[in-house]
N, C-alpha and C. Protein backbone atom coordinates (compact mmCIF):
# COMPACT_ATOMS: atom_id res chain seq x y z
N MET A 1 3.04 -41.30 -70.47
CA MET A 1 1.88 -40.63 -69.83
C MET A 1 2.05 -40.62 -68.29
N THR A 2 2.75 -41.61 -67.94
CA THR A 2 2.94 -41.59 -66.51
C THR A 2 3.94 -40.59 -66.10
N LEU A 3 4.63 -39.91 -66.95
CA LEU A 3 5.55 -38.77 -66.66
C LEU A 3 4.85 -37.54 -66.35
N SER A 4 3.67 -37.37 -66.82
CA SER A 4 2.68 -36.13 -66.46
C SER A 4 2.18 -36.23 -64.97
N PHE A 5 2.13 -37.37 -64.41
CA PHE A 5 1.41 -37.22 -63.15
C PHE A 5 2.52 -37.10 -61.93
N ILE A 6 3.85 -37.42 -62.33
CA ILE A 6 4.80 -37.35 -61.36
C ILE A 6 5.15 -35.89 -61.01
N PRO A 7 5.14 -34.82 -61.81
CA PRO A 7 5.40 -33.51 -61.39
C PRO A 7 4.34 -33.15 -60.67
N LEU A 8 2.84 -33.38 -61.06
CA LEU A 8 1.68 -32.97 -60.42
C LEU A 8 1.89 -33.53 -58.97
N ALA A 9 2.06 -34.67 -58.51
CA ALA A 9 2.44 -35.12 -57.21
C ALA A 9 3.43 -34.24 -56.53
N SER A 10 4.48 -34.04 -57.15
CA SER A 10 5.51 -33.32 -56.50
C SER A 10 5.25 -31.87 -56.32
N VAL A 11 4.25 -31.32 -57.18
CA VAL A 11 3.78 -29.92 -57.03
C VAL A 11 2.93 -29.89 -55.81
N THR A 12 2.07 -30.87 -55.65
CA THR A 12 1.22 -30.91 -54.43
C THR A 12 1.69 -30.99 -53.23
N GLY A 13 2.81 -31.95 -53.08
CA GLY A 13 3.61 -31.95 -51.95
C GLY A 13 4.27 -30.71 -51.71
N ALA A 14 4.83 -30.06 -52.46
CA ALA A 14 5.57 -28.87 -52.34
C ALA A 14 4.54 -27.80 -51.79
N VAL A 15 3.34 -27.64 -52.44
CA VAL A 15 2.35 -26.78 -51.85
C VAL A 15 2.21 -27.01 -50.50
N ILE A 16 1.75 -28.31 -50.14
CA ILE A 16 1.57 -28.93 -48.92
C ILE A 16 2.81 -28.29 -47.76
N THR A 17 4.08 -28.55 -48.21
CA THR A 17 5.06 -28.27 -47.50
C THR A 17 5.18 -26.75 -47.38
N ILE A 18 4.95 -25.98 -48.34
CA ILE A 18 4.87 -24.50 -48.27
C ILE A 18 4.01 -24.04 -47.25
N ILE A 19 2.71 -24.60 -47.39
CA ILE A 19 1.60 -24.06 -46.54
C ILE A 19 2.16 -24.31 -45.19
N ALA A 20 2.54 -25.51 -44.79
CA ALA A 20 2.78 -26.10 -43.46
C ALA A 20 4.09 -25.28 -42.89
N LEU A 21 4.69 -24.77 -43.53
CA LEU A 21 6.07 -24.15 -43.16
C LEU A 21 5.56 -22.57 -43.02
N LEU A 22 4.57 -21.98 -43.88
CA LEU A 22 4.06 -20.67 -43.54
C LEU A 22 3.09 -20.70 -42.28
N LEU A 23 2.48 -21.87 -41.99
CA LEU A 23 1.79 -21.81 -40.78
C LEU A 23 2.88 -21.98 -39.59
N VAL A 24 3.91 -22.49 -39.72
CA VAL A 24 4.92 -22.58 -38.58
C VAL A 24 5.59 -21.30 -38.40
N ALA A 25 5.78 -20.58 -39.69
CA ALA A 25 6.53 -19.22 -39.51
C ALA A 25 5.24 -18.14 -38.78
N ALA A 26 4.08 -18.47 -39.04
CA ALA A 26 3.00 -17.45 -38.60
C ALA A 26 3.09 -17.88 -37.24
N ILE A 27 3.08 -18.88 -36.48
CA ILE A 27 3.06 -19.21 -35.12
C ILE A 27 4.25 -18.66 -34.49
N ILE A 28 5.49 -18.94 -35.14
CA ILE A 28 6.62 -18.19 -34.74
C ILE A 28 6.63 -16.97 -34.50
N GLY A 29 6.16 -16.08 -35.53
CA GLY A 29 6.01 -14.72 -35.52
C GLY A 29 4.91 -14.45 -34.41
N TYR A 30 3.98 -14.88 -34.28
CA TYR A 30 2.85 -14.65 -33.26
C TYR A 30 3.44 -14.75 -31.87
N LEU A 31 4.15 -15.76 -31.57
CA LEU A 31 4.91 -16.12 -30.27
C LEU A 31 5.67 -14.99 -30.01
N THR A 32 6.70 -14.74 -31.01
CA THR A 32 7.61 -13.74 -30.91
C THR A 32 7.12 -12.31 -30.55
N ALA A 33 6.06 -12.08 -31.12
CA ALA A 33 5.43 -10.62 -30.94
C ALA A 33 4.93 -10.73 -29.53
N TRP A 34 4.21 -11.64 -29.34
CA TRP A 34 3.58 -11.74 -27.87
C TRP A 34 4.48 -11.72 -26.90
N PHE A 35 5.66 -12.31 -26.96
CA PHE A 35 6.69 -12.33 -25.86
C PHE A 35 7.35 -11.00 -25.83
N TYR A 36 7.62 -10.24 -27.04
CA TYR A 36 8.11 -8.91 -27.11
C TYR A 36 7.19 -8.03 -26.50
N ALA A 37 6.03 -8.02 -26.65
CA ALA A 37 5.01 -7.15 -26.08
C ALA A 37 4.95 -7.24 -24.70
N LYS A 38 5.15 -8.57 -24.24
CA LYS A 38 4.74 -8.76 -22.90
C LYS A 38 6.06 -8.32 -22.13
N SER A 39 7.30 -8.43 -22.75
CA SER A 39 8.53 -7.86 -22.08
C SER A 39 8.46 -6.38 -22.17
N VAL A 40 7.90 -5.61 -23.15
CA VAL A 40 7.93 -4.22 -23.17
C VAL A 40 6.85 -3.58 -22.30
N TYR A 41 5.73 -4.16 -22.38
CA TYR A 41 4.52 -3.59 -21.54
C TYR A 41 4.35 -3.86 -20.32
N THR A 42 5.01 -4.95 -19.74
CA THR A 42 4.71 -5.49 -18.38
C THR A 42 5.33 -4.31 -17.46
N PRO A 43 6.42 -3.66 -17.65
CA PRO A 43 7.12 -2.72 -16.58
C PRO A 43 6.05 -1.43 -16.67
N ILE A 44 5.60 -1.23 -17.99
CA ILE A 44 4.75 0.01 -18.19
C ILE A 44 3.35 -0.13 -17.39
N ILE A 45 3.08 -1.54 -17.48
CA ILE A 45 1.51 -1.83 -16.84
C ILE A 45 1.78 -1.82 -15.30
N LYS A 46 3.01 -2.10 -14.72
CA LYS A 46 3.32 -2.25 -13.21
C LYS A 46 3.21 -0.91 -12.84
N LYS A 47 3.94 0.01 -13.55
CA LYS A 47 4.11 1.41 -13.18
C LYS A 47 2.67 2.05 -13.06
N LEU A 48 1.77 1.76 -14.18
CA LEU A 48 0.55 2.42 -14.28
C LEU A 48 -0.37 2.01 -13.05
N GLU A 49 -0.33 0.67 -12.73
CA GLU A 49 -0.92 0.05 -11.64
C GLU A 49 -0.54 0.86 -10.33
N GLU A 50 0.72 0.93 -10.21
CA GLU A 50 1.24 1.82 -8.93
C GLU A 50 0.76 3.21 -8.86
N GLU A 51 0.85 3.96 -10.02
CA GLU A 51 0.23 5.31 -10.19
C GLU A 51 -1.33 5.35 -9.81
N LYS A 52 -1.94 4.18 -10.34
CA LYS A 52 -3.33 4.10 -10.15
C LYS A 52 -3.74 3.98 -8.59
N ALA A 53 -2.92 3.14 -7.89
CA ALA A 53 -3.15 2.90 -6.33
C ALA A 53 -2.82 4.17 -5.71
N ASP A 54 -1.72 4.97 -6.14
CA ASP A 54 -1.59 6.29 -5.45
C ASP A 54 -2.64 7.23 -5.55
N LEU A 55 -3.10 7.16 -6.93
CA LEU A 55 -4.31 8.22 -7.12
C LEU A 55 -5.48 7.72 -6.58
N GLN A 56 -5.78 6.45 -6.26
CA GLN A 56 -6.93 6.08 -5.55
C GLN A 56 -6.81 6.52 -4.07
N LYS A 57 -5.52 6.40 -3.54
CA LYS A 57 -5.36 6.88 -2.34
C LYS A 57 -5.43 8.57 -2.07
N GLN A 58 -5.05 9.19 -3.00
CA GLN A 58 -5.25 10.59 -3.01
C GLN A 58 -6.80 10.85 -3.05
N VAL A 59 -7.48 10.19 -3.89
CA VAL A 59 -8.96 10.51 -4.06
C VAL A 59 -9.59 10.14 -2.62
N ALA A 60 -9.31 8.97 -2.12
CA ALA A 60 -9.84 8.61 -0.70
C ALA A 60 -9.36 9.78 0.31
N ASP A 61 -8.19 10.28 0.30
CA ASP A 61 -7.98 11.29 1.19
C ASP A 61 -8.58 12.78 0.94
N LEU A 62 -8.79 13.06 -0.51
CA LEU A 62 -9.51 14.22 -0.76
C LEU A 62 -11.02 14.01 -0.42
N LYS A 63 -11.66 12.75 -0.42
CA LYS A 63 -12.92 12.73 -0.13
C LYS A 63 -13.16 12.91 1.49
N ASP A 64 -12.11 12.31 2.05
CA ASP A 64 -12.12 12.55 3.53
C ASP A 64 -11.97 14.18 4.10
N ASN A 65 -11.14 14.74 3.20
CA ASN A 65 -11.11 16.35 3.32
C ASN A 65 -12.23 17.10 3.04
N VAL A 66 -12.91 16.48 2.08
CA VAL A 66 -14.17 17.10 1.68
C VAL A 66 -15.20 16.96 2.73
N SER A 67 -15.32 15.87 3.35
CA SER A 67 -16.22 15.54 4.26
C SER A 67 -15.96 16.37 5.65
N LYS A 68 -14.81 16.49 5.93
CA LYS A 68 -14.26 17.28 6.97
C LYS A 68 -14.63 18.76 6.79
N LEU A 69 -14.48 19.27 5.60
CA LEU A 69 -14.82 20.67 5.35
C LEU A 69 -16.09 20.85 5.20
N ASN A 70 -17.13 20.14 4.73
CA ASN A 70 -18.48 20.07 4.88
C ASN A 70 -18.88 20.11 6.21
N SER A 71 -18.37 19.48 7.11
CA SER A 71 -18.73 19.31 8.48
C SER A 71 -18.42 20.81 9.07
N LYS A 72 -17.17 21.28 8.76
CA LYS A 72 -16.83 22.67 9.11
C LYS A 72 -17.86 23.79 8.63
N VAL A 73 -18.28 23.66 7.34
CA VAL A 73 -19.25 24.59 6.63
C VAL A 73 -20.70 24.53 7.54
N ASP A 74 -20.93 23.33 7.77
CA ASP A 74 -22.25 23.23 8.65
C ASP A 74 -22.02 23.92 9.92
N ASP A 75 -21.10 23.64 10.69
CA ASP A 75 -20.75 24.28 11.84
C ASP A 75 -20.81 26.03 11.74
N LEU A 76 -20.11 26.30 10.83
CA LEU A 76 -19.86 27.68 10.58
C LEU A 76 -21.44 28.28 10.12
N ASN A 77 -22.05 27.61 9.38
CA ASN A 77 -23.46 28.09 9.00
C ASN A 77 -24.36 28.08 10.35
N GLY A 78 -24.29 27.08 11.15
CA GLY A 78 -24.96 27.18 12.42
C GLY A 78 -24.57 28.46 13.29
N LYS A 79 -23.13 28.72 13.24
CA LYS A 79 -22.84 29.73 14.20
C LYS A 79 -23.36 31.26 13.37
N ILE A 80 -23.41 31.16 12.13
CA ILE A 80 -23.93 32.27 11.46
C ILE A 80 -25.35 32.64 11.80
N THR A 81 -26.17 31.58 11.82
CA THR A 81 -27.56 31.82 12.11
C THR A 81 -27.62 32.20 13.46
N LYS A 82 -26.85 31.53 14.44
CA LYS A 82 -26.98 32.21 15.81
C LYS A 82 -26.70 33.70 15.93
N LEU A 83 -25.45 33.98 15.18
CA LEU A 83 -25.06 35.32 15.30
C LEU A 83 -25.99 36.22 14.66
N GLU A 84 -26.70 35.65 13.72
CA GLU A 84 -27.76 36.59 13.13
C GLU A 84 -29.08 36.83 13.94
N GLU A 85 -29.17 35.78 14.62
CA GLU A 85 -30.48 35.92 15.75
C GLU A 85 -29.97 36.77 16.80
N GLU A 86 -28.71 36.73 17.26
CA GLU A 86 -28.33 37.53 18.26
C GLU A 86 -28.40 39.10 17.79
N ALA A 87 -27.99 39.28 16.60
CA ALA A 87 -28.06 40.68 16.06
C ALA A 87 -29.43 41.14 16.00
N GLU A 88 -30.30 40.21 15.49
CA GLU A 88 -31.75 40.75 15.57
C GLU A 88 -32.24 41.25 16.98
N LYS A 89 -31.78 40.41 17.93
CA LYS A 89 -32.18 40.51 19.30
C LYS A 89 -31.55 41.80 19.77
N LYS A 90 -30.18 42.23 19.55
CA LYS A 90 -29.53 43.47 19.74
C LYS A 90 -30.21 44.74 19.12
N GLU A 91 -30.65 44.37 17.85
CA GLU A 91 -31.46 45.61 17.08
C GLU A 91 -32.59 45.96 17.82
N LYS A 92 -33.32 44.85 18.20
CA LYS A 92 -34.65 45.13 18.94
C LYS A 92 -34.38 45.69 20.27
N GLU A 93 -33.33 45.21 20.91
CA GLU A 93 -33.13 46.05 22.19
C GLU A 93 -32.60 47.65 21.93
N ILE A 94 -31.98 47.73 20.78
CA ILE A 94 -31.46 49.24 20.56
C ILE A 94 -32.70 49.92 20.20
N LYS A 95 -33.65 49.34 19.56
CA LYS A 95 -34.82 50.10 18.98
C LYS A 95 -35.72 50.45 20.36
N GLU A 96 -35.75 49.50 21.33
CA GLU A 96 -36.46 49.62 22.68
C GLU A 96 -35.86 50.65 23.53
N LEU A 97 -34.53 50.69 23.26
CA LEU A 97 -33.78 51.67 24.27
C LEU A 97 -33.93 53.02 23.44
N LYS A 98 -33.91 53.15 22.35
CA LYS A 98 -33.99 54.62 21.78
C LYS A 98 -35.63 54.92 21.83
N SER A 99 -36.51 54.00 21.75
CA SER A 99 -37.86 54.61 22.10
C SER A 99 -37.98 54.88 23.47
N ARG A 100 -37.31 54.17 24.62
CA ARG A 100 -37.48 54.81 26.04
C ARG A 100 -36.67 56.12 25.94
N ILE A 101 -35.66 56.26 25.36
CA ILE A 101 -34.69 57.48 25.48
C ILE A 101 -35.75 58.53 25.04
N LYS A 102 -36.39 58.45 23.97
CA LYS A 102 -37.32 59.63 23.34
C LYS A 102 -38.51 59.82 24.25
N GLU A 103 -39.04 58.73 25.04
CA GLU A 103 -40.15 59.14 26.06
C GLU A 103 -39.66 59.78 27.29
């Protein structure tokens, strides 16, 4: 009867050993994948960060250009209103001169 407990003890030890080895293999696999991903994606991430910085600079420049163009538009709108007022004055002068000529 003592012989039947010996294989059970060795099976339990073997199961524990297998589980421990599987855990070690999982840890090794995780670390390997992490280091591989880090080595592959680090240059890509750096390149994307550089592109992001360039694009942010371009956005800032474009915003500056937009503000300059908006100020030019405002200036031109002011000139347009002045010219329209002058045109109205000239039209009134023309009407007055035409009415004087008719008299």
